[in-house]
Amino acid sequence: MNFDDATRIELEAAAFRRLQQHLMQDRPDVQNIDLMNLAGFCRNCLSRWYQEAANERGIPMTKEEGREAFYGMPYDAWKAHNQAPASAEKQAAFEVAFEENVLKGKA
């Protein structure tokens, strides 16, 4: 389907908002480390992409401001309420996933 740019942007924004709702409200039990290990991205990636998009448009936004915009609260508050300790196995898998999906993209 072909849409004009404004409609396409509206649809993309609506899909992003629904993804955010799914991760933040519907499934806060899904751990970031599991998302990163399985999909190569997590909530922190989404908040970083949000921050990067703002910065690219000349809107100053720090990492913490991006996280708060995505999480709807300070990141430390989210972690304290929703994040469970990760096993050594998950931590090791995360190091690989982070290297492959985050650091590679910055090189």
C-alpha atoms as a PDB file:
ATOM      1  CA  MET A   1       0.000   0.000   0.000  1.00  0.00           C
ATOM      2  CA  ASN A   2       1.138   3.483  -0.709  1.00  0.00           C
ATOM      3  CA  PHE A   3       0.417   6.234   1.774  1.00  0.00           C
ATOM      4  CA  ASP A   4       1.448   9.829   1.843  1.00  0.00           C
ATOM      5  CA  ASP A   5       4.344  10.581   4.202  1.00  0.00           C
ATOM      6  CA  ALA A   6       2.135  12.084   6.910  1.00  0.00           C
ATOM      7  CA  THR A   7      -0.087   8.988   7.023  1.00  0.00           C
ATOM      8  CA  ARG A   8       2.910   6.650   6.997  1.00  0.00           C
ATOM      9  CA  ILE A   9       4.472   8.578   9.913  1.00  0.00           C
ATOM     10  CA  GLU A  10       1.174   8.451  11.841  1.00  0.00           C
ATOM     11  CA  LEU A  11       0.941   4.684  11.337  1.00  0.00           C
ATOM     12  CA  GLU A  12       4.568   4.143  12.325  1.00  0.00           C
ATOM     13  CA  ALA A  13       4.091   6.286  15.444  1.00  0.00           C
ATOM     14  CA  ALA A  14       0.936   4.358  16.364  1.00  0.00           C
ATOM     15  CA  ALA A  15       2.787   1.053  15.966  1.00  0.00           C
ATOM     16  CA  PHE A  16       5.635   2.357  18.149  1.00  0.00           C
ATOM     17  CA  ARG A  17       3.188   3.485  20.840  1.00  0.00           C
ATOM     18  CA  ARG A  18       1.530   0.059  20.786  1.00  0.00           C
ATOM     19  CA  LEU A  19       4.903  -1.679  21.092  1.00  0.00           C
ATOM     20  CA  GLN A  20       5.757   0.601  23.996  1.00  0.00           C
ATOM     21  CA  GLN A  21       2.415  -0.176  25.671  1.00  0.00           C
ATOM     22  CA  HIS A  22       2.948  -3.894  25.144  1.00  0.00           C
ATOM     23  CA  LEU A  23       6.413  -3.834  26.713  1.00  0.00           C
ATOM     24  CA  MET A  24       5.646  -1.403  29.527  1.00  0.00           C
ATOM     25  CA  GLN A  25       2.067  -2.274  30.528  1.00  0.00           C
ATOM     26  CA  ASP A  26       1.052  -5.602  29.035  1.00  0.00           C
ATOM     27  CA  ARG A  27       4.333  -7.498  29.554  1.00  0.00           C
ATOM     28  CA  PRO A  28       6.552  -5.748  32.100  1.00  0.00           C
ATOM     29  CA  ASP A  29       7.436  -9.260  33.310  1.00  0.00           C
ATOM     30  CA  VAL A  30       9.530  -9.851  30.189  1.00  0.00           C
ATOM     31  CA  GLN A  31      13.048  -8.991  31.236  1.00  0.00           C
ATOM     32  CA  ASN A  32      15.234  -6.660  29.161  1.00  0.00           C
ATOM     33  CA  ILE A  33      18.040  -9.221  29.222  1.00  0.00           C
ATOM     34  CA  ASP A  34      15.719 -11.832  27.693  1.00  0.00           C
ATOM     35  CA  LEU A  35      14.623  -9.408  24.978  1.00  0.00           C
ATOM     36  CA  MET A  36      18.231  -8.580  24.132  1.00  0.00           C
ATOM     37  CA  ASN A  37      19.324 -12.202  24.174  1.00  0.00           C
ATOM     38  CA  LEU A  38      16.457 -13.362  21.955  1.00  0.00           C
ATOM     39  CA  ALA A  39      15.720 -10.377  19.731  1.00  0.00           C
ATOM     40  CA  GLY A  40      18.871  -8.261  19.809  1.00  0.00           C
ATOM     41  CA  PHE A  41      17.118  -5.236  21.316  1.00  0.00           C
ATOM     42  CA  CYS A  42      15.369  -4.278  24.532  1.00  0.00           C
ATOM     43  CA  ARG A  43      13.543  -1.384  26.146  1.00  0.00           C
ATOM     44  CA  ASN A  44      16.855   0.409  26.672  1.00  0.00           C
ATOM     45  CA  CYS A  45      17.560   0.175  22.940  1.00  0.00           C
ATOM     46  CA  LEU A  46      14.159   1.689  22.183  1.00  0.00           C
ATOM     47  CA  SER A  47      14.816   4.523  24.632  1.00  0.00           C
ATOM     48  CA  ARG A  48      18.254   5.078  23.067  1.00  0.00           C
ATOM     49  CA  TRP A  49      16.747   5.162  19.567  1.00  0.00           C
ATOM     50  CA  TYR A  50      14.218   7.706  20.845  1.00  0.00           C
ATOM     51  CA  GLN A  51      17.047   9.823  22.266  1.00  0.00           C
ATOM     52  CA  GLU A  52      19.094   9.516  19.065  1.00  0.00           C
ATOM     53  CA  ALA A  53      16.088  10.559  16.957  1.00  0.00           C
ATOM     54  CA  ALA A  54      15.639  13.634  19.151  1.00  0.00           C
ATOM     55  CA  ASN A  55      19.334  14.510  18.961  1.00  0.00           C
ATOM     56  CA  GLU A  56      19.361  14.078  15.159  1.00  0.00           C
ATOM     57  CA  ARG A  57      16.578  16.660  14.995  1.00  0.00           C
ATOM     58  CA  GLY A  58      18.477  19.136  17.142  1.00  0.00           C
ATOM     59  CA  ILE A  59      16.507  18.353  20.302  1.00  0.00           C
ATOM     60  CA  PRO A  60      18.939  17.942  23.182  1.00  0.00           C
ATOM     61  CA  MET A  61      18.157  14.796  25.149  1.00  0.00           C
ATOM     62  CA  THR A  62      20.405  12.805  27.469  1.00  0.00           C
ATOM     63  CA  LYS A  63      20.428   9.035  27.827  1.00  0.00           C
ATOM     64  CA  GLU A  64      18.550   9.323  31.122  1.00  0.00           C
ATOM     65  CA  GLU A  65      15.976  11.727  29.624  1.00  0.00           C
ATOM     66  CA  GLY A  66      15.423   9.292  26.746  1.00  0.00           C
ATOM     67  CA  ARG A  67      14.927   6.446  29.176  1.00  0.00           C
ATOM     68  CA  GLU A  68      12.493   8.443  31.279  1.00  0.00           C
ATOM     69  CA  ALA A  69      10.544   9.425  28.150  1.00  0.00           C
ATOM     70  CA  PHE A  70      10.265   5.768  27.109  1.00  0.00           C
ATOM     71  CA  TYR A  71       9.784   4.182  30.532  1.00  0.00           C
ATOM     72  CA  GLY A  72       7.461   6.921  31.791  1.00  0.00           C
ATOM     73  CA  MET A  73       9.514   7.118  34.993  1.00  0.00           C
ATOM     74  CA  PRO A  74      13.159   7.235  36.006  1.00  0.00           C
ATOM     75  CA  TYR A  75      14.927   4.086  34.832  1.00  0.00           C
ATOM     76  CA  ASP A  76      16.109   3.197  38.341  1.00  0.00           C
ATOM     77  CA  ALA A  77      12.481   3.161  39.518  1.00  0.00           C
ATOM     78  CA  TRP A  78      11.530   0.820  36.651  1.00  0.00           C
ATOM     79  CA  LYS A  79      14.448  -1.492  37.431  1.00  0.00           C
ATOM     80  CA  ALA A  80      13.627  -1.621  41.133  1.00  0.00           C
ATOM     81  CA  HIS A  81      10.012  -2.537  40.434  1.00  0.00           C
ATOM     82  CA  ASN A  82      10.347  -4.828  37.393  1.00  0.00           C
ATOM     83  CA  GLN A  83      13.839  -6.185  36.886  1.00  0.00           C
ATOM     84  CA  ALA A  84      14.848  -9.529  38.377  1.00  0.00           C
ATOM     85  CA  PRO A  85      18.439 -10.673  38.895  1.00  0.00           C
ATOM     86  CA  ALA A  86      19.919 -12.425  35.867  1.00  0.00           C
ATOM     87  CA  SER A  87      21.762 -15.729  35.958  1.00  0.00           C
ATOM     88  CA  ALA A  88      25.411 -15.949  34.960  1.00  0.00           C
ATOM     89  CA  GLU A  89      24.301 -17.778  31.800  1.00  0.00           C
ATOM     90  CA  LYS A  90      21.941 -14.945  30.809  1.00  0.00           C
ATOM     91  CA  GLN A  91      24.649 -12.367  31.579  1.00  0.00           C
ATOM     92  CA  ALA A  92      27.111 -14.183  29.306  1.00  0.00           C
ATOM     93  CA  ALA A  93      24.548 -14.417  26.498  1.00  0.00           C
ATOM     94  CA  PHE A  94      23.799 -10.705  26.990  1.00  0.00           C
ATOM     95  CA  GLU A  95      27.464  -9.790  26.498  1.00  0.00           C
ATOM     96  CA  VAL A  96      27.421 -11.553  23.119  1.00  0.00           C
ATOM     97  CA  ALA A  97      24.055 -10.060  22.087  1.00  0.00           C
ATOM     98  CA  PHE A  98      25.124  -6.561  23.163  1.00  0.00           C
ATOM     99  CA  GLU A  99      28.371  -6.837  21.195  1.00  0.00           C
ATOM    100  CA  GLU A 100      26.578  -8.107  18.091  1.00  0.00           C
ATOM    101  CA  ASN A 101      23.588  -5.779  18.155  1.00  0.00           C
ATOM    102  CA  VAL A 102      24.625  -2.587  19.908  1.00  0.00           C
ATOM    103  CA  LEU A 103      28.370  -2.140  19.670  1.00  0.00           C
ATOM    104  CA  LYS A 104      28.578  -3.379  16.057  1.00  0.00           C
ATOM    105  CA  GLY A 105      26.057  -0.733  15.044  1.00  0.00           C
ATOM    106  CA  LYS A 106      28.254   2.018  16.495  1.00  0.00           C
ATOM    107  CA  ALA A 107      31.452   0.959  14.741  1.00  0.00           C
END
